[in-house]
Amino acid sequence: MTSTQRFEITYDAQADALGIWFPGPDRGARTREIASGIHLDLTPDGRVTAVQILDASARYPLAALRELASPEH
């Protein structure tokens, strides 16, 4: 990974969802729920491209979540 490729962490207050997005192609990625409200996007070869955590404010301090960038829609 080069220094210009970094993962991104976002918080969508309207959806109350924390997202972690990893660099690289996500072609063919499928979402799999690995625990209640925790989803992974996996490529066919098993590479994780994203993690989404629903009901994030019940799991993490809301003040810290609000400091994160909002996802671009």
Protein backbone atom coordinates (compact mmCIF):
# COMPACT_ATOMS: atom_id res chain seq x y z
CA MET A 1 0.00 0.00 0.00
CA THR A 2 1.38 3.41 -0.90
CA SER A 3 1.21 6.38 1.41
CA THR A 4 -1.60 7.91 -0.70
CA GLN A 5 -3.86 4.89 -0.21
CA ARG A 6 -5.48 5.01 3.20
CA PHE A 7 -8.59 3.68 4.74
CA GLU A 8 -11.44 6.05 5.54
CA ILE A 9 -13.64 6.11 8.63
CA THR A 10 -17.02 7.83 8.40
CA TYR A 11 -20.09 8.26 10.55
CA ASP A 12 -23.53 8.73 9.03
CA ALA A 13 -25.60 10.32 11.81
CA GLN A 14 -28.89 9.89 9.94
CA ALA A 15 -28.33 6.13 9.54
CA ASP A 16 -26.38 5.87 12.83
CA ALA A 17 -23.76 3.85 10.95
CA LEU A 18 -20.00 3.78 11.34
CA GLY A 19 -18.13 2.82 8.17
CA ILE A 20 -14.54 1.80 7.61
CA TRP A 21 -13.51 1.70 3.95
CA PHE A 22 -10.28 0.06 2.79
CA PRO A 23 -8.40 1.09 -0.37
CA GLY A 24 -8.36 -1.03 -3.45
CA PRO A 25 -10.87 -2.42 -5.88
CA ASP A 26 -14.12 -3.76 -4.49
CA ARG A 27 -15.38 -5.48 -7.62
CA GLY A 28 -17.73 -8.29 -6.83
CA ALA A 29 -17.78 -7.55 -3.10
CA ARG A 30 -20.72 -8.99 -1.19
CA THR A 31 -21.97 -7.93 2.21
CA ARG A 32 -22.01 -10.51 4.97
CA GLU A 33 -23.42 -9.90 8.45
CA ILE A 34 -20.89 -11.39 10.88
CA ALA A 35 -22.73 -10.35 14.07
CA SER A 36 -25.90 -8.45 14.80
CA GLY A 37 -25.48 -5.06 13.12
CA ILE A 38 -21.89 -5.67 11.98
CA HIS A 39 -21.39 -6.14 8.25
CA LEU A 40 -18.30 -6.91 6.18
CA ASP A 41 -17.97 -6.36 2.45
CA LEU A 42 -15.86 -9.22 1.08
CA THR A 43 -14.48 -9.78 -2.41
CA PRO A 44 -14.76 -13.25 -3.93
CA ASP A 45 -11.15 -13.94 -2.88
CA GLY A 46 -11.95 -13.06 0.76
CA ARG A 47 -10.47 -9.54 0.93
CA VAL A 48 -12.32 -7.15 3.26
CA THR A 49 -13.21 -3.91 1.48
CA ALA A 50 -15.44 -2.31 4.12
CA VAL A 51 -16.89 -2.70 7.59
CA GLN A 52 -20.22 -1.16 8.58
CA ILE A 53 -21.42 -0.99 12.16
CA LEU A 54 -25.12 -0.20 12.58
CA ASP A 55 -26.54 1.44 15.73
CA ALA A 56 -23.07 2.87 16.22
CA SER A 57 -24.11 5.37 18.90
CA ALA A 58 -25.21 2.47 21.13
CA ARG A 59 -21.73 0.92 20.76
CA TYR A 60 -19.39 3.94 20.80
CA PRO A 61 -19.41 7.41 22.39
CA LEU A 62 -21.60 9.71 20.31
CA ALA A 63 -19.23 12.65 20.80
CA ALA A 64 -16.39 10.68 19.21
CA LEU A 65 -18.59 9.53 16.33
CA ARG A 66 -19.64 13.11 15.58
CA GLU A 67 -15.98 14.06 15.11
CA LEU A 68 -15.70 11.69 12.14
CA ALA A 69 -16.31 12.76 8.56
CA SER A 70 -19.72 12.19 7.02
CA PRO A 71 -19.82 9.81 4.06
CA GLU A 72 -20.18 11.34 0.62
CA HIS A 73 -23.53 10.49 -0.95
